[in-house]
Protein backbone atom coordinates (compact mmCIF):
# COMPACT_ATOMS: atom_id res chain seq x y z
CA UNK A 1 0.00 0.00 0.00
CA UNK A 2 1.13 3.54 -0.74
CA UNK A 3 0.21 6.31 1.70
CA UNK A 4 0.78 9.99 0.83
CA UNK A 5 0.51 12.48 3.69
CA UNK A 6 -0.02 16.19 3.03
CA UNK A 7 0.99 18.42 5.94
CA UNK A 8 2.63 21.72 6.84
CA UNK A 9 4.52 20.00 9.65
CA UNK A 10 6.32 17.03 8.03
CA UNK A 11 8.79 16.78 10.91
CA UNK A 12 6.03 15.44 13.14
CA UNK A 13 5.97 12.19 11.18
CA UNK A 14 9.35 11.01 12.46
CA UNK A 15 7.25 8.69 14.65
CA UNK A 16 6.58 6.67 11.51
CA UNK A 17 10.26 5.66 11.49
CA UNK A 18 10.03 3.46 14.57
CA UNK A 19 8.60 0.15 15.72
CA UNK A 20 6.22 -1.92 13.58
CA UNK A 21 5.55 0.85 11.04
CA UNK A 22 9.27 1.20 10.36
CA UNK A 23 9.62 -2.57 9.89
CA UNK A 24 6.65 -2.58 7.51
CA UNK A 25 8.30 0.19 5.48
CA UNK A 26 11.64 -1.62 5.42
CA UNK A 27 9.92 -4.79 4.25
CA UNK A 28 8.18 -2.94 1.42
CA UNK A 29 4.71 -3.67 2.79
CA UNK A 30 3.81 0.02 2.98
CA UNK A 31 5.29 3.07 1.26
CA UNK A 32 4.68 6.25 3.29
CA UNK A 33 5.52 9.57 1.66
CA UNK A 34 5.24 12.77 3.71
CA UNK A 35 4.70 15.84 1.53
CA UNK A 36 5.15 19.45 2.68
CA UNK A 37 2.19 21.53 1.50
CA UNK A 38 4.29 24.71 1.79
CA UNK A 39 6.41 23.59 -1.16
CA UNK A 40 3.35 23.95 -3.39
CA UNK A 41 2.44 27.46 -2.29
CA UNK A 42 2.45 30.11 -5.02
CA UNK A 43 2.97 32.80 -2.38
CA UNK A 44 6.38 34.48 -2.21
CA UNK A 45 6.59 33.59 1.47
CA UNK A 46 5.09 30.09 0.97
CA UNK A 47 2.00 31.04 2.97
CA UNK A 48 -0.65 28.37 3.42
CA UNK A 49 -3.25 30.24 5.48
CA UNK A 50 -5.41 33.37 5.41
CA UNK A 51 -8.30 35.02 7.22
CA UNK A 52 -11.71 33.41 6.67
CA UNK A 53 -14.38 35.25 4.70
CA UNK A 54 -17.21 36.37 6.96
CA UNK A 55 -14.92 36.82 9.93
CA UNK A 56 -14.32 34.54 12.84
CA UNK A 57 -11.45 33.48 15.03
CA UNK A 58 -8.22 32.06 13.68
CA UNK A 59 -6.85 31.37 10.24
CA UNK A 60 -7.93 29.00 7.48
CA UNK A 61 -5.74 26.89 5.20
CA UNK A 62 -5.94 28.27 1.67
CA UNK A 63 -7.04 26.23 -1.32
CA UNK A 64 -4.21 26.76 -3.83
CA UNK A 65 -1.29 25.03 -2.09
CA UNK A 66 -3.46 22.10 -1.01
CA UNK A 67 -5.01 21.65 -4.46
CA UNK A 68 -1.62 21.67 -6.17
CA UNK A 69 -0.20 19.24 -3.61
CA UNK A 70 -3.11 16.85 -4.07
CA UNK A 71 -2.83 16.99 -7.85
CA UNK A 72 0.90 16.30 -7.63
CA UNK A 73 0.64 13.21 -5.42
CA UNK A 74 -2.55 11.78 -6.92
CA UNK A 75 -1.73 12.18 -10.58
CA UNK A 76 -4.08 10.30 -12.89
CA UNK A 77 -4.85 7.52 -12.95
CA UNK A 78 -5.31 7.48 -9.18
CA UNK A 79 -7.29 4.58 -7.78
CA UNK A 80 -6.82 5.30 -4.08
CA UNK A 81 -8.90 7.20 -1.55
CA UNK A 82 -8.36 10.86 -0.68
CA UNK A 83 -8.93 11.48 3.04
CA UNK A 84 -9.14 14.58 5.22
CA UNK A 85 -8.60 14.19 8.94
CA UNK A 86 -11.38 16.28 10.46
CA UNK A 87 -13.40 16.38 13.72
CA UNK A 88 -16.56 16.48 11.61
CA UNK A 89 -15.68 13.26 9.77
CA UNK A 90 -16.97 9.74 10.22
CA UNK A 91 -15.54 7.93 13.22
CA UNK A 92 -12.45 5.80 12.75
CA UNK A 93 -13.44 2.27 13.73
CA UNK A 94 -11.85 -1.13 13.33
CA UNK A 95 -14.48 -1.87 10.69
CA UNK A 96 -13.48 1.20 8.70
CA UNK A 97 -9.78 0.34 9.08
CA UNK A 98 -10.46 -3.13 7.68
CA UNK A 99 -12.11 -1.51 4.66
CA UNK A 100 -9.29 0.99 4.12
CA UNK A 101 -6.59 -1.70 4.21
CA UNK A 102 -7.96 -3.00 0.89
CA UNK A 103 -7.32 0.29 -0.88
CA UNK A 104 -4.27 0.34 -3.18
CA UNK A 105 -3.38 3.82 -1.94
CA UNK A 106 -4.43 6.46 0.58
CA UNK A 107 -3.85 10.18 0.47
CA UNK A 108 -4.24 11.80 3.88
CA UNK A 109 -4.63 15.57 4.19
CA UNK A 110 -3.83 17.06 7.60
CA UNK A 111 -5.84 20.17 8.30
CA UNK A 112 -4.55 22.85 10.66
CA UNK A 113 -5.62 26.13 12.24
CA UNK A 114 -9.40 26.42 11.82
CA UNK A 115 -9.50 23.90 8.99
CA UNK A 116 -9.30 24.03 5.19
CA UNK A 117 -11.15 25.95 2.51
CA UNK A 118 -14.39 24.04 1.88
CA UNK A 119 -13.78 24.02 -1.86
CA UNK A 120 -10.93 21.58 -1.28
CA UNK A 121 -13.32 19.21 0.49
CA UNK A 122 -15.92 19.50 -2.25
CA UNK A 123 -13.56 18.86 -5.17
CA UNK A 124 -10.72 16.74 -3.88
CA UNK A 125 -11.74 14.78 -0.78
CA UNK A 126 -13.48 11.40 -0.86
CA UNK A 127 -13.82 10.83 2.88
CA UNK A 128 -13.45 12.83 6.09
CA UNK A 129 -12.35 10.84 9.15
CA UNK A 130 -12.38 11.73 12.85
CA UNK A 131 -10.51 9.84 15.58
CA UNK A 132 -12.82 11.02 18.35
CA UNK A 133 -15.27 13.59 19.64
CA UNK A 134 -12.68 16.21 20.54
CA UNK A 135 -10.61 18.84 18.75
CA UNK A 136 -6.82 18.81 18.32
CA UNK A 137 -4.48 21.51 17.05
CA UNK A 138 -4.11 19.79 13.71
CA UNK A 139 -4.61 16.64 11.68
CA UNK A 140 -1.08 15.29 12.00
CA UNK A 141 -1.59 13.14 15.11
CA UNK A 142 -4.94 11.81 13.82
CA UNK A 143 -3.22 10.95 10.52
CA UNK A 144 -0.58 8.96 12.40
CA UNK A 145 -3.32 7.13 14.29
CA UNK A 146 -5.01 6.23 11.02
CA UNK A 147 -1.75 5.08 9.42
CA UNK A 148 -0.88 2.90 12.40
CA UNK A 149 -4.40 1.44 12.58
CA UNK A 150 -4.49 0.51 8.89
CA UNK A 151 -0.86 -0.53 8.40
CA UNK A 152 -0.88 -3.15 11.16
CA UNK A 153 -3.76 -4.89 9.35
CA UNK A 154 -1.82 -5.34 6.11
CA UNK A 155 -0.75 -8.89 5.31
CA UNK A 156 2.70 -9.65 6.66
CA UNK A 157 3.02 -6.62 8.96
CA UNK A 158 2.33 -8.44 12.21
CA UNK A 159 4.47 -11.45 13.01
CA UNK A 160 1.44 -13.47 14.14
CA UNK A 161 -1.51 -13.01 11.81
CA UNK A 162 -3.83 -14.26 14.57
CA UNK A 163 -2.76 -11.48 16.93
CA UNK A 164 -5.50 -9.08 15.85
CA UNK A 165 -8.33 -11.60 15.45
CA UNK A 166 -9.46 -11.39 19.09
CA UNK A 167 -8.41 -7.83 19.78
CA UNK A 168 -10.77 -5.17 21.04
CA UNK A 169 -13.17 -3.95 18.33
CA UNK A 170 -12.62 -7.04 16.19
CA UNK A 171 -15.49 -8.49 14.16
CA UNK A 172 -17.43 -9.69 17.22
CA UNK A 173 -17.39 -6.23 18.86
CA UNK A 174 -16.09 -7.55 22.18
CA UNK A 175 -13.18 -6.00 24.04
CA UNK A 176 -10.03 -8.05 24.56
CA UNK A 177 -9.59 -10.40 27.51
CA UNK A 178 -6.95 -9.82 30.25
CA UNK A 179 -3.50 -11.24 29.62
CA UNK A 180 -0.65 -12.18 31.96
CA UNK A 181 3.01 -13.14 31.76
CA UNK A 182 5.75 -14.13 34.25
CA UNK A 183 6.07 -14.07 37.19
CA UNK A 184 3.05 -16.06 38.38
CA UNK A 185 2.75 -13.83 41.44
CA UNK A 186 3.40 -10.10 41.50
CA UNK A 187 2.87 -7.83 44.53
CA UNK A 188 0.43 -10.32 46.01
CA UNK A 189 -1.55 -10.80 42.79
CA UNK A 190 -1.60 -14.24 41.16
CA UNK A 191 -2.25 -15.26 37.58
CA UNK A 192 -5.69 -16.93 37.27
CA UNK A 193 -5.26 -20.66 37.80
CA UNK A 194 -7.15 -21.57 34.62
CA UNK A 195 -4.36 -20.02 32.52
CA UNK A 196 -1.85 -22.34 34.14
CA UNK A 197 -3.95 -25.47 33.70
CA UNK A 198 -2.98 -26.29 30.13
CA UNK A 199 -6.64 -27.10 29.44
CA UNK A 200 -7.22 -25.20 26.21
CA UNK A 201 -11.02 -25.52 26.14
CA UNK A 202 -11.30 -24.12 29.67
CA UNK A 203 -8.88 -21.31 28.85
CA UNK A 204 -10.90 -20.34 25.77
CA UNK A 205 -14.14 -20.41 27.78
CA UNK A 206 -12.57 -18.22 30.50
CA UNK A 207 -11.28 -15.74 27.92
CA UNK A 208 -14.69 -15.54 26.26
CA UNK A 209 -16.35 -14.84 29.61
CA UNK A 210 -13.78 -12.18 30.41
CA UNK A 211 -14.41 -10.48 27.08
CA UNK A 212 -18.13 -10.47 27.80
CA UNK A 213 -17.64 -9.03 31.30
CA UNK A 214 -15.18 -6.32 30.29
CA UNK A 215 -17.35 -5.22 27.39
CA UNK A 216 -20.45 -5.14 29.60
CA UNK A 217 -18.65 -3.03 32.19
CA UNK A 218 -16.80 -0.62 29.93
CA UNK A 219 -18.62 -0.50 26.58
CA UNK A 220 -22.17 -1.84 26.99
CA UNK A 221 -23.06 -0.10 23.72
CA UNK A 222 -20.96 -2.69 21.87
CA UNK A 223 -23.00 -5.60 23.23
CA UNK A 224 -25.92 -4.57 21.05
CA UNK A 225 -23.72 -5.24 17.99
CA UNK A 226 -22.08 -8.40 19.31
CA UNK A 227 -23.13 -11.82 18.07
CA UNK A 228 -23.93 -13.46 21.40
CA UNK A 229 -25.71 -16.72 22.04
CA UNK A 230 -28.80 -16.87 24.26
CA UNK A 231 -26.71 -18.73 26.82
CA UNK A 232 -24.16 -15.91 26.88
CA UNK A 233 -26.83 -13.23 27.25
CA UNK A 234 -28.44 -15.21 30.07
CA UNK A 235 -25.04 -15.57 31.75
CA UNK A 236 -24.48 -11.82 31.55
CA UNK A 237 -27.85 -11.23 33.20
CA UNK A 238 -26.78 -13.55 36.01
CA UNK A 239 -23.70 -11.35 36.44
CA UNK A 240 -25.89 -8.28 36.76
CA UNK A 241 -25.67 -6.93 33.21
C-alpha atoms as a PDB file:
ATOM      1  CA  UNK A   1       0.000   0.000   0.000  1.00  0.00           C
ATOM      2  CA  UNK A   2       1.127   3.541  -0.741  1.00  0.00           C
ATOM      3  CA  UNK A   3       0.213   6.313   1.698  1.00  0.00           C
ATOM      4  CA  UNK A   4       0.784   9.987   0.835  1.00  0.00           C
ATOM      5  CA  UNK A   5       0.510  12.476   3.685  1.00  0.00           C
ATOM      6  CA  UNK A   6      -0.016  16.186   3.028  1.00  0.00           C
ATOM      7  CA  UNK A   7       0.990  18.419   5.944  1.00  0.00           C
ATOM      8  CA  UNK A   8       2.628  21.718   6.836  1.00  0.00           C
ATOM      9  CA  UNK A   9       4.521  19.996   9.650  1.00  0.00           C
ATOM     10  CA  UNK A  10       6.319  17.034   8.028  1.00  0.00           C
ATOM     11  CA  UNK A  11       8.785  16.783  10.908  1.00  0.00           C
ATOM     12  CA  UNK A  12       6.026  15.443  13.143  1.00  0.00           C
ATOM     13  CA  UNK A  13       5.972  12.192  11.180  1.00  0.00           C
ATOM     14  CA  UNK A  14       9.348  11.014  12.457  1.00  0.00           C
ATOM     15  CA  UNK A  15       7.250   8.689  14.651  1.00  0.00           C
ATOM     16  CA  UNK A  16       6.575   6.667  11.514  1.00  0.00           C
ATOM     17  CA  UNK A  17      10.258   5.661  11.487  1.00  0.00           C
ATOM     18  CA  UNK A  18      10.026   3.462  14.567  1.00  0.00           C
ATOM     19  CA  UNK A  19       8.597   0.149  15.719  1.00  0.00           C
ATOM     20  CA  UNK A  20       6.217  -1.919  13.577  1.00  0.00           C
ATOM     21  CA  UNK A  21       5.553   0.853  11.040  1.00  0.00           C
ATOM     22  CA  UNK A  22       9.274   1.197  10.358  1.00  0.00           C
ATOM     23  CA  UNK A  23       9.618  -2.566   9.890  1.00  0.00           C
ATOM     24  CA  UNK A  24       6.650  -2.578   7.515  1.00  0.00           C
ATOM     25  CA  UNK A  25       8.297   0.188   5.482  1.00  0.00           C
ATOM     26  CA  UNK A  26      11.636  -1.618   5.416  1.00  0.00           C
ATOM     27  CA  UNK A  27       9.916  -4.793   4.250  1.00  0.00           C
ATOM     28  CA  UNK A  28       8.182  -2.942   1.422  1.00  0.00           C
ATOM     29  CA  UNK A  29       4.710  -3.673   2.788  1.00  0.00           C
ATOM     30  CA  UNK A  30       3.810   0.021   2.977  1.00  0.00           C
ATOM     31  CA  UNK A  31       5.290   3.075   1.264  1.00  0.00           C
ATOM     32  CA  UNK A  32       4.684   6.246   3.294  1.00  0.00           C
ATOM     33  CA  UNK A  33       5.520   9.571   1.656  1.00  0.00           C
ATOM     34  CA  UNK A  34       5.242  12.767   3.708  1.00  0.00           C
ATOM     35  CA  UNK A  35       4.705  15.843   1.534  1.00  0.00           C
ATOM     36  CA  UNK A  36       5.147  19.446   2.680  1.00  0.00           C
ATOM     37  CA  UNK A  37       2.190  21.529   1.502  1.00  0.00           C
ATOM     38  CA  UNK A  38       4.293  24.712   1.791  1.00  0.00           C
ATOM     39  CA  UNK A  39       6.407  23.588  -1.161  1.00  0.00           C
ATOM     40  CA  UNK A  40       3.352  23.950  -3.394  1.00  0.00           C
ATOM     41  CA  UNK A  41       2.441  27.461  -2.290  1.00  0.00           C
ATOM     42  CA  UNK A  42       2.452  30.114  -5.024  1.00  0.00           C
ATOM     43  CA  UNK A  43       2.968  32.798  -2.382  1.00  0.00           C
ATOM     44  CA  UNK A  44       6.379  34.480  -2.209  1.00  0.00           C
ATOM     45  CA  UNK A  45       6.586  33.588   1.468  1.00  0.00           C
ATOM     46  CA  UNK A  46       5.088  30.092   0.971  1.00  0.00           C
ATOM     47  CA  UNK A  47       2.005  31.035   2.975  1.00  0.00           C
ATOM     48  CA  UNK A  48      -0.652  28.365   3.417  1.00  0.00           C
ATOM     49  CA  UNK A  49      -3.253  30.243   5.484  1.00  0.00           C
ATOM     50  CA  UNK A  50      -5.407  33.367   5.411  1.00  0.00           C
ATOM     51  CA  UNK A  51      -8.299  35.021   7.224  1.00  0.00           C
ATOM     52  CA  UNK A  52     -11.713  33.406   6.675  1.00  0.00           C
ATOM     53  CA  UNK A  53     -14.378  35.249   4.696  1.00  0.00           C
ATOM     54  CA  UNK A  54     -17.213  36.366   6.963  1.00  0.00           C
ATOM     55  CA  UNK A  55     -14.916  36.823   9.931  1.00  0.00           C
ATOM     56  CA  UNK A  56     -14.319  34.540  12.839  1.00  0.00           C
ATOM     57  CA  UNK A  57     -11.455  33.480  15.031  1.00  0.00           C
ATOM     58  CA  UNK A  58      -8.224  32.059  13.677  1.00  0.00           C
ATOM     59  CA  UNK A  59      -6.851  31.373  10.238  1.00  0.00           C
ATOM     60  CA  UNK A  60      -7.931  28.996   7.479  1.00  0.00           C
ATOM     61  CA  UNK A  61      -5.737  26.893   5.197  1.00  0.00           C
ATOM     62  CA  UNK A  62      -5.941  28.269   1.670  1.00  0.00           C
ATOM     63  CA  UNK A  63      -7.035  26.228  -1.324  1.00  0.00           C
ATOM     64  CA  UNK A  64      -4.211  26.764  -3.833  1.00  0.00           C
ATOM     65  CA  UNK A  65      -1.286  25.026  -2.095  1.00  0.00           C
ATOM     66  CA  UNK A  66      -3.457  22.100  -1.015  1.00  0.00           C
ATOM     67  CA  UNK A  67      -5.009  21.651  -4.457  1.00  0.00           C
ATOM     68  CA  UNK A  68      -1.623  21.665  -6.172  1.00  0.00           C
ATOM     69  CA  UNK A  69      -0.197  19.239  -3.610  1.00  0.00           C
ATOM     70  CA  UNK A  70      -3.113  16.852  -4.066  1.00  0.00           C
ATOM     71  CA  UNK A  71      -2.833  16.994  -7.847  1.00  0.00           C
ATOM     72  CA  UNK A  72       0.903  16.303  -7.632  1.00  0.00           C
ATOM     73  CA  UNK A  73       0.641  13.209  -5.422  1.00  0.00           C
ATOM     74  CA  UNK A  74      -2.552  11.778  -6.919  1.00  0.00           C
ATOM     75  CA  UNK A  75      -1.727  12.176 -10.576  1.00  0.00           C
ATOM     76  CA  UNK A  76      -4.081  10.302 -12.894  1.00  0.00           C
ATOM     77  CA  UNK A  77      -4.850   7.516 -12.954  1.00  0.00           C
ATOM     78  CA  UNK A  78      -5.312   7.483  -9.178  1.00  0.00           C
ATOM     79  CA  UNK A  79      -7.292   4.575  -7.779  1.00  0.00           C
ATOM     80  CA  UNK A  80      -6.823   5.296  -4.081  1.00  0.00           C
ATOM     81  CA  UNK A  81      -8.896   7.196  -1.549  1.00  0.00           C
ATOM     82  CA  UNK A  82      -8.361  10.865  -0.676  1.00  0.00           C
ATOM     83  CA  UNK A  83      -8.935  11.475   3.036  1.00  0.00           C
ATOM     84  CA  UNK A  84      -9.144  14.576   5.216  1.00  0.00           C
ATOM     85  CA  UNK A  85      -8.602  14.187   8.945  1.00  0.00           C
ATOM     86  CA  UNK A  86     -11.376  16.281  10.464  1.00  0.00           C
ATOM     87  CA  UNK A  87     -13.396  16.383  13.725  1.00  0.00           C
ATOM     88  CA  UNK A  88     -16.557  16.482  11.606  1.00  0.00           C
ATOM     89  CA  UNK A  89     -15.681  13.264   9.766  1.00  0.00           C
ATOM     90  CA  UNK A  90     -16.972   9.743  10.220  1.00  0.00           C
ATOM     91  CA  UNK A  91     -15.544   7.929  13.223  1.00  0.00           C
ATOM     92  CA  UNK A  92     -12.450   5.798  12.748  1.00  0.00           C
ATOM     93  CA  UNK A  93     -13.442   2.270  13.733  1.00  0.00           C
ATOM     94  CA  UNK A  94     -11.851  -1.133  13.326  1.00  0.00           C
ATOM     95  CA  UNK A  95     -14.476  -1.873  10.695  1.00  0.00           C
ATOM     96  CA  UNK A  96     -13.482   1.198   8.699  1.00  0.00           C
ATOM     97  CA  UNK A  97      -9.784   0.339   9.081  1.00  0.00           C
ATOM     98  CA  UNK A  98     -10.457  -3.131   7.680  1.00  0.00           C
ATOM     99  CA  UNK A  99     -12.108  -1.507   4.662  1.00  0.00           C
ATOM    100  CA  UNK A 100      -9.292   0.987   4.118  1.00  0.00           C
ATOM    101  CA  UNK A 101      -6.587  -1.698   4.210  1.00  0.00           C
ATOM    102  CA  UNK A 102      -7.957  -3.004   0.894  1.00  0.00           C
ATOM    103  CA  UNK A 103      -7.317   0.287  -0.877  1.00  0.00           C
ATOM    104  CA  UNK A 104      -4.268   0.344  -3.175  1.00  0.00           C
ATOM    105  CA  UNK A 105      -3.378   3.816  -1.937  1.00  0.00           C
ATOM    106  CA  UNK A 106      -4.430   6.455   0.576  1.00  0.00           C
ATOM    107  CA  UNK A 107      -3.854  10.181   0.466  1.00  0.00           C
ATOM    108  CA  UNK A 108      -4.241  11.796   3.882  1.00  0.00           C
ATOM    109  CA  UNK A 109      -4.630  15.567   4.195  1.00  0.00           C
ATOM    110  CA  UNK A 110      -3.834  17.058   7.602  1.00  0.00           C
ATOM    111  CA  UNK A 111      -5.843  20.175   8.299  1.00  0.00           C
ATOM    112  CA  UNK A 112      -4.552  22.850  10.662  1.00  0.00           C
ATOM    113  CA  UNK A 113      -5.617  26.130  12.239  1.00  0.00           C
ATOM    114  CA  UNK A 114      -9.403  26.422  11.819  1.00  0.00           C
ATOM    115  CA  UNK A 115      -9.501  23.900   8.995  1.00  0.00           C
ATOM    116  CA  UNK A 116      -9.296  24.030   5.194  1.00  0.00           C
ATOM    117  CA  UNK A 117     -11.148  25.949   2.511  1.00  0.00           C
ATOM    118  CA  UNK A 118     -14.390  24.037   1.884  1.00  0.00           C
ATOM    119  CA  UNK A 119     -13.783  24.017  -1.861  1.00  0.00           C
ATOM    120  CA  UNK A 120     -10.926  21.582  -1.277  1.00  0.00           C
ATOM    121  CA  UNK A 121     -13.316  19.206   0.487  1.00  0.00           C
ATOM    122  CA  UNK A 122     -15.922  19.504  -2.252  1.00  0.00           C
ATOM    123  CA  UNK A 123     -13.561  18.864  -5.171  1.00  0.00           C
ATOM    124  CA  UNK A 124     -10.716  16.744  -3.884  1.00  0.00           C
ATOM    125  CA  UNK A 125     -11.743  14.784  -0.779  1.00  0.00           C
ATOM    126  CA  UNK A 126     -13.481  11.400  -0.864  1.00  0.00           C
ATOM    127  CA  UNK A 127     -13.818  10.834   2.879  1.00  0.00           C
ATOM    128  CA  UNK A 128     -13.450  12.834   6.092  1.00  0.00           C
ATOM    129  CA  UNK A 129     -12.348  10.836   9.148  1.00  0.00           C
ATOM    130  CA  UNK A 130     -12.376  11.733  12.848  1.00  0.00           C
ATOM    131  CA  UNK A 131     -10.510   9.837  15.580  1.00  0.00           C
ATOM    132  CA  UNK A 132     -12.820  11.022  18.353  1.00  0.00           C
ATOM    133  CA  UNK A 133     -15.268  13.585  19.643  1.00  0.00           C
ATOM    134  CA  UNK A 134     -12.683  16.214  20.542  1.00  0.00           C
ATOM    135  CA  UNK A 135     -10.609  18.837  18.750  1.00  0.00           C
ATOM    136  CA  UNK A 136      -6.818  18.808  18.322  1.00  0.00           C
ATOM    137  CA  UNK A 137      -4.479  21.508  17.054  1.00  0.00           C
ATOM    138  CA  UNK A 138      -4.106  19.787  13.709  1.00  0.00           C
ATOM    139  CA  UNK A 139      -4.608  16.637  11.678  1.00  0.00           C
ATOM    140  CA  UNK A 140      -1.075  15.287  11.996  1.00  0.00           C
ATOM    141  CA  UNK A 141      -1.591  13.145  15.111  1.00  0.00           C
ATOM    142  CA  UNK A 142      -4.942  11.810  13.816  1.00  0.00           C
ATOM    143  CA  UNK A 143      -3.222  10.945  10.523  1.00  0.00           C
ATOM    144  CA  UNK A 144      -0.580   8.956  12.398  1.00  0.00           C
ATOM    145  CA  UNK A 145      -3.323   7.135  14.293  1.00  0.00           C
ATOM    146  CA  UNK A 146      -5.009   6.232  11.016  1.00  0.00           C
ATOM    147  CA  UNK A 147      -1.747   5.082   9.422  1.00  0.00           C
ATOM    148  CA  UNK A 148      -0.884   2.903  12.403  1.00  0.00           C
ATOM    149  CA  UNK A 149      -4.400   1.439  12.582  1.00  0.00           C
ATOM    150  CA  UNK A 150      -4.488   0.511   8.888  1.00  0.00           C
ATOM    151  CA  UNK A 151      -0.857  -0.528   8.397  1.00  0.00           C
ATOM    152  CA  UNK A 152      -0.883  -3.146  11.157  1.00  0.00           C
ATOM    153  CA  UNK A 153      -3.765  -4.889   9.345  1.00  0.00           C
ATOM    154  CA  UNK A 154      -1.818  -5.344   6.109  1.00  0.00           C
ATOM    155  CA  UNK A 155      -0.745  -8.887   5.305  1.00  0.00           C
ATOM    156  CA  UNK A 156       2.703  -9.650   6.661  1.00  0.00           C
ATOM    157  CA  UNK A 157       3.020  -6.620   8.957  1.00  0.00           C
ATOM    158  CA  UNK A 158       2.332  -8.441  12.214  1.00  0.00           C
ATOM    159  CA  UNK A 159       4.468 -11.447  13.011  1.00  0.00           C
ATOM    160  CA  UNK A 160       1.441 -13.474  14.139  1.00  0.00           C
ATOM    161  CA  UNK A 161      -1.510 -13.015  11.810  1.00  0.00           C
ATOM    162  CA  UNK A 162      -3.833 -14.259  14.568  1.00  0.00           C
ATOM    163  CA  UNK A 163      -2.763 -11.484  16.932  1.00  0.00           C
ATOM    164  CA  UNK A 164      -5.502  -9.080  15.850  1.00  0.00           C
ATOM    165  CA  UNK A 165      -8.325 -11.596  15.447  1.00  0.00           C
ATOM    166  CA  UNK A 166      -9.459 -11.394  19.088  1.00  0.00           C
ATOM    167  CA  UNK A 167      -8.411  -7.828  19.779  1.00  0.00           C
ATOM    168  CA  UNK A 168     -10.768  -5.170  21.037  1.00  0.00           C
ATOM    169  CA  UNK A 169     -13.171  -3.953  18.326  1.00  0.00           C
ATOM    170  CA  UNK A 170     -12.622  -7.044  16.188  1.00  0.00           C
ATOM    171  CA  UNK A 171     -15.494  -8.494  14.157  1.00  0.00           C
ATOM    172  CA  UNK A 172     -17.430  -9.694  17.224  1.00  0.00           C
ATOM    173  CA  UNK A 173     -17.386  -6.227  18.862  1.00  0.00           C
ATOM    174  CA  UNK A 174     -16.092  -7.545  22.183  1.00  0.00           C
ATOM    175  CA  UNK A 175     -13.176  -5.995  24.043  1.00  0.00           C
ATOM    176  CA  UNK A 176     -10.032  -8.047  24.556  1.00  0.00           C
ATOM    177  CA  UNK A 177      -9.590 -10.403  27.510  1.00  0.00           C
ATOM    178  CA  UNK A 178      -6.953  -9.825  30.254  1.00  0.00           C
ATOM    179  CA  UNK A 179      -3.499 -11.240  29.625  1.00  0.00           C
ATOM    180  CA  UNK A 180      -0.653 -12.176  31.960  1.00  0.00           C
ATOM    181  CA  UNK A 181       3.010 -13.143  31.763  1.00  0.00           C
ATOM    182  CA  UNK A 182       5.746 -14.127  34.248  1.00  0.00           C
ATOM    183  CA  UNK A 183       6.071 -14.071  37.192  1.00  0.00           C
ATOM    184  CA  UNK A 184       3.050 -16.061  38.375  1.00  0.00           C
ATOM    185  CA  UNK A 185       2.748 -13.831  41.439  1.00  0.00           C
ATOM    186  CA  UNK A 186       3.400 -10.099  41.503  1.00  0.00           C
ATOM    187  CA  UNK A 187       2.866  -7.835  44.527  1.00  0.00           C
ATOM    188  CA  UNK A 188       0.432 -10.317  46.011  1.00  0.00           C
ATOM    189  CA  UNK A 189      -1.550 -10.803  42.795  1.00  0.00           C
ATOM    190  CA  UNK A 190      -1.598 -14.241  41.163  1.00  0.00           C
ATOM    191  CA  UNK A 191      -2.249 -15.264  37.581  1.00  0.00           C
ATOM    192  CA  UNK A 192      -5.689 -16.929  37.271  1.00  0.00           C
ATOM    193  CA  UNK A 193      -5.262 -20.658  37.796  1.00  0.00           C
ATOM    194  CA  UNK A 194      -7.146 -21.567  34.623  1.00  0.00           C
ATOM    195  CA  UNK A 195      -4.363 -20.020  32.518  1.00  0.00           C
ATOM    196  CA  UNK A 196      -1.846 -22.340  34.143  1.00  0.00           C
ATOM    197  CA  UNK A 197      -3.949 -25.474  33.701  1.00  0.00           C
ATOM    198  CA  UNK A 198      -2.976 -26.292  30.128  1.00  0.00           C
ATOM    199  CA  UNK A 199      -6.639 -27.100  29.441  1.00  0.00           C
ATOM    200  CA  UNK A 200      -7.219 -25.195  26.209  1.00  0.00           C
ATOM    201  CA  UNK A 201     -11.017 -25.515  26.139  1.00  0.00           C
ATOM    202  CA  UNK A 202     -11.302 -24.116  29.673  1.00  0.00           C
ATOM    203  CA  UNK A 203      -8.882 -21.311  28.850  1.00  0.00           C
ATOM    204  CA  UNK A 204     -10.896 -20.336  25.768  1.00  0.00           C
ATOM    205  CA  UNK A 205     -14.136 -20.407  27.782  1.00  0.00           C
ATOM    206  CA  UNK A 206     -12.575 -18.218  30.496  1.00  0.00           C
ATOM    207  CA  UNK A 207     -11.278 -15.744  27.923  1.00  0.00           C
ATOM    208  CA  UNK A 208     -14.689 -15.539  26.265  1.00  0.00           C
ATOM    209  CA  UNK A 209     -16.354 -14.837  29.606  1.00  0.00           C
ATOM    210  CA  UNK A 210     -13.782 -12.181  30.411  1.00  0.00           C
ATOM    211  CA  UNK A 211     -14.414 -10.479  27.075  1.00  0.00           C
ATOM    212  CA  UNK A 212     -18.132 -10.465  27.804  1.00  0.00           C
ATOM    213  CA  UNK A 213     -17.644  -9.029  31.303  1.00  0.00           C
ATOM    214  CA  UNK A 214     -15.175  -6.325  30.293  1.00  0.00           C
ATOM    215  CA  UNK A 215     -17.347  -5.219  27.388  1.00  0.00           C
ATOM    216  CA  UNK A 216     -20.447  -5.144  29.597  1.00  0.00           C
ATOM    217  CA  UNK A 217     -18.646  -3.031  32.193  1.00  0.00           C
ATOM    218  CA  UNK A 218     -16.799  -0.616  29.930  1.00  0.00           C
ATOM    219  CA  UNK A 219     -18.615  -0.504  26.582  1.00  0.00           C
ATOM    220  CA  UNK A 220     -22.171  -1.837  26.989  1.00  0.00           C
ATOM    221  CA  UNK A 221     -23.056  -0.097  23.715  1.00  0.00           C
ATOM    222  CA  UNK A 222     -20.963  -2.693  21.875  1.00  0.00           C
ATOM    223  CA  UNK A 223     -22.997  -5.603  23.228  1.00  0.00           C
ATOM    224  CA  UNK A 224     -25.925  -4.568  21.050  1.00  0.00           C
ATOM    225  CA  UNK A 225     -23.722  -5.238  17.989  1.00  0.00           C
ATOM    226  CA  UNK A 226     -22.084  -8.399  19.308  1.00  0.00           C
ATOM    227  CA  UNK A 227     -23.128 -11.815  18.065  1.00  0.00           C
ATOM    228  CA  UNK A 228     -23.930 -13.465  21.403  1.00  0.00           C
ATOM    229  CA  UNK A 229     -25.706 -16.722  22.043  1.00  0.00           C
ATOM    230  CA  UNK A 230     -28.798 -16.866  24.255  1.00  0.00           C
ATOM    231  CA  UNK A 231     -26.714 -18.731  26.823  1.00  0.00           C
ATOM    232  CA  UNK A 232     -24.164 -15.910  26.884  1.00  0.00           C
ATOM    233  CA  UNK A 233     -26.826 -13.229  27.246  1.00  0.00           C
ATOM    234  CA  UNK A 234     -28.439 -15.212  30.070  1.00  0.00           C
ATOM    235  CA  UNK A 235     -25.039 -15.566  31.747  1.00  0.00           C
ATOM    236  CA  UNK A 236     -24.483 -11.819  31.548  1.00  0.00           C
ATOM    237  CA  UNK A 237     -27.852 -11.234  33.199  1.00  0.00           C
ATOM    238  CA  UNK A 238     -26.783 -13.551  36.011  1.00  0.00           C
ATOM    239  CA  UNK A 239     -23.705 -11.351  36.444  1.00  0.00           C
ATOM    240  CA  UNK A 240     -25.890  -8.277  36.761  1.00  0.00           C
ATOM    241  CA  UNK A 241     -25.674  -6.935  33.206  1.00  0.00           C
END
